[in-house]
Amino acid sequence: MRAWMGIIGLACAFGVQAAPKVAVTDLAYQERVEQYIHMVSASSNSNASMYHANASSSYSEFESSQSYIEQTELRKFSGDIKGEILKSGMFQLVQGTPYTAKAKQDVYDVIARIKAGNYKGADYVLFGTLSDIDFQRDITSIDNTNSYSAILGLTLVADFSLINTRTYEITSAFTAMGEGQDTKLVNSQDVRVSLNRPRVVREVSKELGMDVARQLKEQLVGVMPDQERAPMRNNLPPDEPAQILR
């Protein structure tokens, strides 16, 4: 009996597979950078003596404008995504090679980056791209009072794809969002108030990480959030009072 129990235990141990490894990228984005140059150069020179005098001057002006597309990654919001994924137990984490300005690949070409070996050891890459980021700062009056509410808010939206590093298949795809704000009451609309920007960024990062982990669970494991989970149904017949058989 003990021998059989030992064999069953070994079989269970080898049957349990380790969680797949995933590399989480920073949020890829691109923006148009515009440069305007305006240079003015002026000089003058004059000489005078008892018999003659002369003067000279020069003036030049140069104006130029140019624009170009800059690609990079936003590195402030991936930490909480990694933390929430670790909490879920669905994956092990692998550190990938971050994108730099010297990289020759397109920041959006994640397949080329996988082939270049930027995510060695990873079974999957969670590739995120920035869709929208919006900082809002406003001061509004509070009804029936002499006070004002100063608000600093941030909303971030990003698209994510979970990509198999061997087959390049997209296993999961979704859009996640994080929001945060800091509010302070002031007595004047013109007063200078310092709002807590780092705390707002931290709240957004935390919410984004939780939303990413939740949607990964929904798509890969089938776990729905509590508010969407269907109520359990009991198909057993209703209880009846006890009867004494005679």
C-alpha atoms as a PDB file:
ATOM      1  CA  MET A   1       0.000   0.000   0.000  1.00  0.00           C
ATOM      2  CA  ARG A   2       2.794   2.412   0.913  1.00  0.00           C
ATOM      3  CA  ALA A   3       4.609   1.578  -2.338  1.00  0.00           C
ATOM      4  CA  TRP A   4       1.517   2.453  -4.352  1.00  0.00           C
ATOM      5  CA  MET A   5       1.104   5.718  -2.448  1.00  0.00           C
ATOM      6  CA  GLY A   6       4.741   6.631  -3.215  1.00  0.00           C
ATOM      7  CA  ILE A   7       4.273   5.949  -6.925  1.00  0.00           C
ATOM      8  CA  ILE A   8       1.101   8.037  -7.004  1.00  0.00           C
ATOM      9  CA  GLY A   9       2.897  10.892  -5.203  1.00  0.00           C
ATOM     10  CA  LEU A  10       5.758  10.915  -7.718  1.00  0.00           C
ATOM     11  CA  ALA A  11       3.325  10.864 -10.610  1.00  0.00           C
ATOM     12  CA  CYS A  12       1.492  13.852  -9.173  1.00  0.00           C
ATOM     13  CA  ALA A  13       4.760  15.719  -8.618  1.00  0.00           C
ATOM     14  CA  PHE A  14       5.910  15.245 -12.203  1.00  0.00           C
ATOM     15  CA  GLY A  15       2.415  15.890 -13.534  1.00  0.00           C
ATOM     16  CA  VAL A  16       2.303  19.374 -12.050  1.00  0.00           C
ATOM     17  CA  GLN A  17       3.711  21.750 -14.659  1.00  0.00           C
ATOM     18  CA  ALA A  18       5.364  25.025 -13.756  1.00  0.00           C
ATOM     19  CA  ALA A  19       3.524  28.184 -14.750  1.00  0.00           C
ATOM     20  CA  PRO A  20       4.558  29.493 -18.194  1.00  0.00           C
ATOM     21  CA  LYS A  21       7.024  32.362 -18.307  1.00  0.00           C
ATOM     22  CA  VAL A  22       5.981  35.783 -19.559  1.00  0.00           C
ATOM     23  CA  ALA A  23       7.881  38.990 -20.311  1.00  0.00           C
ATOM     24  CA  VAL A  24       5.964  42.232 -19.784  1.00  0.00           C
ATOM     25  CA  THR A  25       6.953  45.117 -22.036  1.00  0.00           C
ATOM     26  CA  ASP A  26       6.725  48.772 -21.153  1.00  0.00           C
ATOM     27  CA  LEU A  27       3.985  50.687 -22.965  1.00  0.00           C
ATOM     28  CA  ALA A  28       5.050  51.457 -26.531  1.00  0.00           C
ATOM     29  CA  TYR A  29       4.078  54.774 -28.065  1.00  0.00           C
ATOM     30  CA  GLN A  30       5.129  57.310 -30.654  1.00  0.00           C
ATOM     31  CA  GLU A  31       4.720  61.053 -30.864  1.00  0.00           C
ATOM     32  CA  ARG A  32       5.443  63.802 -33.341  1.00  0.00           C
ATOM     33  CA  VAL A  33       8.232  66.113 -32.207  1.00  0.00           C
ATOM     34  CA  GLU A  34       8.369  69.583 -33.733  1.00  0.00           C
ATOM     35  CA  GLN A  35      11.391  71.873 -33.592  1.00  0.00           C
ATOM     36  CA  TYR A  36      11.468  75.573 -34.428  1.00  0.00           C
ATOM     37  CA  ILE A  37      14.741  77.473 -34.822  1.00  0.00           C
ATOM     38  CA  HIS A  38      15.039  81.250 -35.141  1.00  0.00           C
ATOM     39  CA  MET A  39      18.523  82.835 -35.144  1.00  0.00           C
ATOM     40  CA  VAL A  40      19.363  86.526 -35.485  1.00  0.00           C
ATOM     41  CA  SER A  41      22.906  87.873 -35.858  1.00  0.00           C
ATOM     42  CA  ALA A  42      23.755  91.566 -35.945  1.00  0.00           C
ATOM     43  CA  SER A  43      27.060  93.442 -35.736  1.00  0.00           C
ATOM     44  CA  SER A  44      28.357  96.949 -36.335  1.00  0.00           C
ATOM     45  CA  ASN A  45      31.779  98.553 -36.649  1.00  0.00           C
ATOM     46  CA  SER A  46      32.829 102.198 -36.828  1.00  0.00           C
ATOM     47  CA  ASN A  47      36.132 104.080 -37.104  1.00  0.00           C
ATOM     48  CA  ALA A  48      36.765 107.800 -36.830  1.00  0.00           C
ATOM     49  CA  SER A  49      39.828 110.023 -37.176  1.00  0.00           C
ATOM     50  CA  MET A  50      40.629 113.678 -37.765  1.00  0.00           C
ATOM     51  CA  TYR A  51      40.311 113.325 -41.558  1.00  0.00           C
ATOM     52  CA  HIS A  52      37.630 110.705 -42.167  1.00  0.00           C
ATOM     53  CA  ALA A  53      35.120 108.366 -40.540  1.00  0.00           C
ATOM     54  CA  ASN A  54      33.463 105.130 -41.679  1.00  0.00           C
ATOM     55  CA  ALA A  55      30.969 102.685 -40.294  1.00  0.00           C
ATOM     56  CA  SER A  56      29.700  99.278 -41.316  1.00  0.00           C
ATOM     57  CA  SER A  57      27.026  96.934 -40.076  1.00  0.00           C
ATOM     58  CA  SER A  58      25.710  93.494 -40.901  1.00  0.00           C
ATOM     59  CA  TYR A  59      22.495  91.672 -40.153  1.00  0.00           C
ATOM     60  CA  SER A  60      21.437  88.105 -40.818  1.00  0.00           C
ATOM     61  CA  GLU A  61      18.401  86.061 -39.825  1.00  0.00           C
ATOM     62  CA  PHE A  62      17.789  82.318 -40.075  1.00  0.00           C
ATOM     63  CA  GLU A  63      14.494  80.532 -39.510  1.00  0.00           C
ATOM     64  CA  SER A  64      13.734  76.822 -39.779  1.00  0.00           C
ATOM     65  CA  SER A  65      11.178  74.286 -38.577  1.00  0.00           C
ATOM     66  CA  GLN A  66      11.161  70.512 -38.739  1.00  0.00           C
ATOM     67  CA  SER A  67       9.188  67.621 -37.326  1.00  0.00           C
ATOM     68  CA  TYR A  68       9.836  63.922 -36.882  1.00  0.00           C
ATOM     69  CA  ILE A  69       8.269  60.849 -35.300  1.00  0.00           C
ATOM     70  CA  GLU A  70       9.876  59.639 -32.083  1.00  0.00           C
ATOM     71  CA  GLN A  71       9.258  56.082 -30.859  1.00  0.00           C
ATOM     72  CA  THR A  72       9.877  55.000 -27.287  1.00  0.00           C
ATOM     73  CA  GLU A  73       8.352  53.200 -24.298  1.00  0.00           C
ATOM     74  CA  LEU A  74       6.587  54.620 -21.257  1.00  0.00           C
ATOM     75  CA  ARG A  75       8.324  52.981 -18.291  1.00  0.00           C
ATOM     76  CA  LYS A  76       6.252  54.201 -15.332  1.00  0.00           C
ATOM     77  CA  PHE A  77       3.308  51.805 -15.424  1.00  0.00           C
ATOM     78  CA  SER A  78       4.581  48.244 -15.890  1.00  0.00           C
ATOM     79  CA  GLY A  79       5.632  47.576 -12.278  1.00  0.00           C
ATOM     80  CA  ASP A  80       2.113  47.075 -10.936  1.00  0.00           C
ATOM     81  CA  ILE A  81       1.178  44.999 -13.985  1.00  0.00           C
ATOM     82  CA  LYS A  82       4.000  42.606 -13.146  1.00  0.00           C
ATOM     83  CA  GLY A  83       3.018  42.567  -9.477  1.00  0.00           C
ATOM     84  CA  GLU A  84      -0.624  41.715 -10.163  1.00  0.00           C
ATOM     85  CA  ILE A  85       0.382  38.975 -12.610  1.00  0.00           C
ATOM     86  CA  LEU A  86       2.631  37.450  -9.942  1.00  0.00           C
ATOM     87  CA  LYS A  87      -0.246  37.573  -7.448  1.00  0.00           C
ATOM     88  CA  SER A  88      -2.513  35.721  -9.864  1.00  0.00           C
ATOM     89  CA  GLY A  89      -0.090  32.783 -10.085  1.00  0.00           C
ATOM     90  CA  MET A  90      -0.801  32.353 -13.808  1.00  0.00           C
ATOM     91  CA  PHE A  91       2.734  33.141 -14.965  1.00  0.00           C
ATOM     92  CA  GLN A  92       6.346  33.381 -13.935  1.00  0.00           C
ATOM     93  CA  LEU A  93       8.056  36.624 -14.909  1.00  0.00           C
ATOM     94  CA  VAL A  94      11.046  37.003 -17.226  1.00  0.00           C
ATOM     95  CA  GLN A  95      12.845  40.320 -17.683  1.00  0.00           C
ATOM     96  CA  GLY A  96      13.020  41.386 -21.319  1.00  0.00           C
ATOM     97  CA  THR A  97      15.333  43.865 -23.007  1.00  0.00           C
ATOM     98  CA  PRO A  98      13.797  47.360 -22.949  1.00  0.00           C
ATOM     99  CA  TYR A  99      13.469  49.385 -26.120  1.00  0.00           C
ATOM    100  CA  THR A 100      15.992  52.207 -26.526  1.00  0.00           C
ATOM    101  CA  ALA A 101      16.459  55.037 -28.988  1.00  0.00           C
ATOM    102  CA  LYS A 102      19.417  53.146 -30.496  1.00  0.00           C
ATOM    103  CA  ALA A 103      17.270  50.122 -31.347  1.00  0.00           C
ATOM    104  CA  LYS A 104      16.858  49.520 -35.053  1.00  0.00           C
ATOM    105  CA  GLN A 105      13.480  47.781 -34.767  1.00  0.00           C
ATOM    106  CA  ASP A 106      10.124  49.486 -34.918  1.00  0.00           C
ATOM    107  CA  VAL A 107       8.853  49.779 -31.342  1.00  0.00           C
ATOM    108  CA  TYR A 108       5.520  48.303 -32.490  1.00  0.00           C
ATOM    109  CA  ASP A 109       7.099  45.334 -34.308  1.00  0.00           C
ATOM    110  CA  VAL A 110       7.076  42.964 -31.351  1.00  0.00           C
ATOM    111  CA  ILE A 111       7.617  39.930 -33.603  1.00  0.00           C
ATOM    112  CA  ALA A 112      10.941  41.353 -34.812  1.00  0.00           C
ATOM    113  CA  ARG A 113      11.913  42.052 -31.212  1.00  0.00           C
ATOM    114  CA  ILE A 114      11.071  38.465 -30.246  1.00  0.00           C
ATOM    115  CA  LYS A 115      13.158  37.131 -33.145  1.00  0.00           C
ATOM    116  CA  ALA A 116      16.027  39.422 -32.111  1.00  0.00           C
ATOM    117  CA  GLY A 117      16.141  37.680 -28.733  1.00  0.00           C
ATOM    118  CA  ASN A 118      14.844  40.553 -26.621  1.00  0.00           C
ATOM    119  CA  TYR A 119      12.723  38.167 -24.532  1.00  0.00           C
ATOM    120  CA  LYS A 120      14.938  35.151 -23.984  1.00  0.00           C
ATOM    121  CA  GLY A 121      13.401  32.400 -21.882  1.00  0.00           C
ATOM    122  CA  ALA A 122       9.860  33.734 -22.183  1.00  0.00           C
ATOM    123  CA  ASP A 123       7.016  31.538 -23.397  1.00  0.00           C
ATOM    124  CA  TYR A 124       4.822  34.599 -23.874  1.00  0.00           C
ATOM    125  CA  VAL A 125       5.205  38.356 -24.244  1.00  0.00           C
ATOM    126  CA  LEU A 126       2.563  40.698 -22.871  1.00  0.00           C
ATOM    127  CA  PHE A 127       2.924  43.577 -25.320  1.00  0.00           C
ATOM    128  CA  GLY A 128       1.292  46.873 -24.354  1.00  0.00           C
ATOM    129  CA  THR A 129       0.791  49.985 -26.460  1.00  0.00           C
ATOM    130  CA  LEU A 130      -0.342  53.362 -25.175  1.00  0.00           C
ATOM    131  CA  SER A 131      -3.697  54.386 -26.651  1.00  0.00           C
ATOM    132  CA  ASP A 132      -4.393  57.578 -24.727  1.00  0.00           C
ATOM    133  CA  ILE A 133      -3.072  59.476 -21.725  1.00  0.00           C
ATOM    134  CA  ASP A 134      -4.754  62.590 -20.399  1.00  0.00           C
ATOM    135  CA  PHE A 135      -3.742  64.856 -17.518  1.00  0.00           C
ATOM    136  CA  GLN A 136      -6.503  67.171 -16.336  1.00  0.00           C
ATOM    137  CA  ARG A 137      -6.130  70.083 -13.928  1.00  0.00           C
ATOM    138  CA  ASP A 138      -9.088  72.192 -12.922  1.00  0.00           C
ATOM    139  CA  ILE A 139     -10.488  74.411 -10.155  1.00  0.00           C
ATOM    140  CA  THR A 140     -14.251  74.393  -9.656  1.00  0.00           C
ATOM    141  CA  SER A 141     -16.464  76.240  -7.216  1.00  0.00           C
ATOM    142  CA  ILE A 142     -18.419  74.329  -4.582  1.00  0.00           C
ATOM    143  CA  ASP A 143     -22.094  75.264  -4.477  1.00  0.00           C
ATOM    144  CA  ASN A 144     -23.327  77.331  -1.530  1.00  0.00           C
ATOM    145  CA  THR A 145     -19.793  77.834  -0.171  1.00  0.00           C
ATOM    146  CA  ASN A 146     -16.845  80.178  -0.614  1.00  0.00           C
ATOM    147  CA  SER A 147     -14.509  77.258  -1.263  1.00  0.00           C
ATOM    148  CA  TYR A 148     -13.076  75.802  -4.429  1.00  0.00           C
ATOM    149  CA  SER A 149     -12.005  72.300  -5.351  1.00  0.00           C
ATOM    150  CA  ALA A 150      -8.617  71.914  -7.048  1.00  0.00           C
ATOM    151  CA  ILE A 151      -8.394  68.648  -8.961  1.00  0.00           C
ATOM    152  CA  LEU A 152      -5.528  66.900 -10.718  1.00  0.00           C
ATOM    153  CA  GLY A 153      -6.632  63.829 -12.651  1.00  0.00           C
ATOM    154  CA  LEU A 154      -4.949  61.312 -14.923  1.00  0.00           C
ATOM    155  CA  THR A 155      -6.520  58.717 -17.207  1.00  0.00           C
ATOM    156  CA  LEU A 156      -4.458  56.148 -19.103  1.00  0.00           C
ATOM    157  CA  VAL A 157      -5.743  53.659 -21.682  1.00  0.00           C
ATOM    158  CA  ALA A 158      -3.563  50.930 -23.197  1.00  0.00           C
ATOM    159  CA  ASP A 159      -4.038  47.978 -25.556  1.00  0.00           C
ATOM    160  CA  PHE A 160      -2.481  44.624 -24.672  1.00  0.00           C
ATOM    161  CA  SER A 161      -1.729  41.435 -26.604  1.00  0.00           C
ATOM    162  CA  LEU A 162      -0.399  38.184 -25.133  1.00  0.00           C
ATOM    163  CA  ILE A 163       1.814  36.656 -27.827  1.00  0.00           C
ATOM    164  CA  ASN A 164       3.247  33.142 -27.976  1.00  0.00           C
ATOM    165  CA  THR A 165       6.999  33.488 -28.600  1.00  0.00           C
ATOM    166  CA  ARG A 166       7.165  30.234 -30.594  1.00  0.00           C
ATOM    167  CA  THR A 167       4.077  30.419 -32.806  1.00  0.00           C
ATOM    168  CA  TYR A 168       3.505  34.227 -32.635  1.00  0.00           C
ATOM    169  CA  GLU A 169      -0.150  33.471 -31.961  1.00  0.00           C
ATOM    170  CA  ILE A 170      -2.127  36.111 -30.057  1.00  0.00           C
ATOM    171  CA  THR A 171      -3.518  34.202 -27.098  1.00  0.00           C
ATOM    172  CA  SER A 172      -5.291  37.125 -25.448  1.00  0.00           C
ATOM    173  CA  ALA A 173      -6.087  40.710 -26.405  1.00  0.00           C
ATOM    174  CA  PHE A 174      -7.858  43.467 -24.506  1.00  0.00           C
ATOM    175  CA  THR A 175      -7.895  47.158 -23.565  1.00  0.00           C
ATOM    176  CA  ALA A 176      -7.171  48.191 -19.969  1.00  0.00           C
ATOM    177  CA  MET A 177      -7.530  51.503 -18.183  1.00  0.00           C
ATOM    178  CA  GLY A 178      -6.278  53.195 -15.038  1.00  0.00           C
ATOM    179  CA  GLU A 179      -7.541  56.378 -13.400  1.00  0.00           C
ATOM    180  CA  GLY A 180      -6.420  58.490 -10.454  1.00  0.00           C
ATOM    181  CA  GLN A 181      -6.881  61.952  -9.009  1.00  0.00           C
ATOM    182  CA  ASP A 182      -5.852  64.243  -6.179  1.00  0.00           C
ATOM    183  CA  THR A 183      -8.259  66.834  -4.775  1.00  0.00           C
ATOM    184  CA  LYS A 184      -7.684  69.736  -2.387  1.00  0.00           C
ATOM    185  CA  LEU A 185     -10.043  72.392  -1.021  1.00  0.00           C
ATOM    186  CA  VAL A 186      -8.915  76.024  -1.358  1.00  0.00           C
ATOM    187  CA  ASN A 187     -10.435  79.350  -0.324  1.00  0.00           C
ATOM    188  CA  SER A 188      -9.579  81.257  -3.476  1.00  0.00           C
ATOM    189  CA  GLN A 189      -9.691  80.469  -7.166  1.00  0.00           C
ATOM    190  CA  ASP A 190      -6.378  82.261  -7.732  1.00  0.00           C
ATOM    191  CA  VAL A 191      -4.456  80.597  -4.928  1.00  0.00           C
ATOM    192  CA  ARG A 192      -1.426  78.554  -5.906  1.00  0.00           C
ATOM    193  CA  VAL A 193      -1.950  74.957  -4.807  1.00  0.00           C
ATOM    194  CA  SER A 194       0.443  72.018  -5.048  1.00  0.00           C
ATOM    195  CA  LEU A 195      -1.312  68.794  -6.004  1.00  0.00           C
ATOM    196  CA  ASN A 196       0.250  65.383  -5.472  1.00  0.00           C
ATOM    197  CA  ARG A 197       1.220  64.247  -8.960  1.00  0.00           C
ATOM    198  CA  PRO A 198       3.245  61.169  -7.814  1.00  0.00           C
ATOM    199  CA  ARG A 199       0.249  59.824  -5.893  1.00  0.00           C
ATOM    200  CA  VAL A 200      -1.975  60.241  -8.940  1.00  0.00           C
ATOM    201  CA  VAL A 201       0.513  58.312 -11.086  1.00  0.00           C
ATOM    202  CA  ARG A 202       0.700  55.580  -8.436  1.00  0.00           C
ATOM    203  CA  GLU A 203      -3.095  55.210  -8.356  1.00  0.00           C
ATOM    204  CA  VAL A 204      -3.250  54.963 -12.135  1.00  0.00           C
ATOM    205  CA  SER A 205      -0.476  52.365 -12.186  1.00  0.00           C
ATOM    206  CA  LYS A 206      -2.226  50.281  -9.516  1.00  0.00           C
ATOM    207  CA  GLU A 207      -5.601  50.381 -11.260  1.00  0.00           C
ATOM    208  CA  LEU A 208      -4.035  49.544 -14.610  1.00  0.00           C
ATOM    209  CA  GLY A 209      -2.221  46.522 -13.153  1.00  0.00           C
ATOM    210  CA  MET A 210      -5.398  45.195 -11.531  1.00  0.00           C
ATOM    211  CA  ASP A 211      -7.401  45.644 -14.734  1.00  0.00           C
ATOM    212  CA  VAL A 212      -4.762  43.806 -16.792  1.00  0.00           C
ATOM    213  CA  ALA A 213      -4.640  40.843 -14.380  1.00  0.00           C
ATOM    214  CA  ARG A 214      -8.448  40.679 -14.214  1.00  0.00           C
ATOM    215  CA  GLN A 215      -8.871  40.570 -17.985  1.00  0.00           C
ATOM    216  CA  LEU A 216      -6.118  37.979 -18.373  1.00  0.00           C
ATOM    217  CA  LYS A 217      -7.992  35.764 -15.902  1.00  0.00           C
ATOM    218  CA  GLU A 218     -11.264  36.276 -17.744  1.00  0.00           C
ATOM    219  CA  GLN A 219      -9.826  35.299 -21.117  1.00  0.00           C
ATOM    220  CA  LEU A 220      -7.381  32.559 -20.123  1.00  0.00           C
ATOM    221  CA  VAL A 221      -9.000  30.952 -17.082  1.00  0.00           C
ATOM    222  CA  GLY A 222     -12.605  31.971 -17.512  1.00  0.00           C
ATOM    223  CA  VAL A 223     -12.837  33.664 -14.108  1.00  0.00           C
ATOM    224  CA  MET A 224     -15.380  36.474 -14.170  1.00  0.00           C
ATOM    225  CA  PRO A 225     -15.441  39.418 -11.782  1.00  0.00           C
ATOM    226  CA  ASP A 226     -17.768  39.102  -8.805  1.00  0.00           C
ATOM    227  CA  GLN A 227     -20.326  41.553 -10.122  1.00  0.00           C
ATOM    228  CA  GLU A 228     -20.678  39.609 -13.394  1.00  0.00           C
ATOM    229  CA  ARG A 229     -20.560  36.137 -11.972  1.00  0.00           C
ATOM    230  CA  ALA A 230     -23.843  34.264 -12.407  1.00  0.00           C
ATOM    231  CA  PRO A 231     -25.579  33.313  -9.140  1.00  0.00           C
ATOM    232  CA  MET A 232     -25.284  29.706  -8.076  1.00  0.00           C
ATOM    233  CA  ARG A 233     -28.419  27.666  -8.657  1.00  0.00           C
ATOM    234  CA  ASN A 234     -29.571  24.838  -6.465  1.00  0.00           C
ATOM    235  CA  ASN A 235     -31.410  22.203  -8.481  1.00  0.00           C
ATOM    236  CA  LEU A 236     -32.306  20.121  -5.434  1.00  0.00           C
ATOM    237  CA  PRO A 237     -35.992  19.964  -4.449  1.00  0.00           C
ATOM    238  CA  PRO A 238     -37.061  22.250  -1.603  1.00  0.00           C
ATOM    239  CA  ASP A 239     -36.727  20.993   1.943  1.00  0.00           C
ATOM    240  CA  GLU A 240     -39.784  19.327   3.440  1.00  0.00           C
ATOM    241  CA  PRO A 241     -40.642  19.004   7.118  1.00  0.00           C
ATOM    242  CA  ALA A 242     -39.699  15.734   8.722  1.00  0.00           C
ATOM    243  CA  GLN A 243     -42.420  13.082   8.764  1.00  0.00           C
ATOM    244  CA  ILE A 244     -42.793  10.244  11.211  1.00  0.00           C
ATOM    245  CA  LEU A 245     -43.569   7.021   9.440  1.00  0.00           C
ATOM    246  CA  ARG A 246     -45.856   4.650  11.305  1.00  0.00           C
END
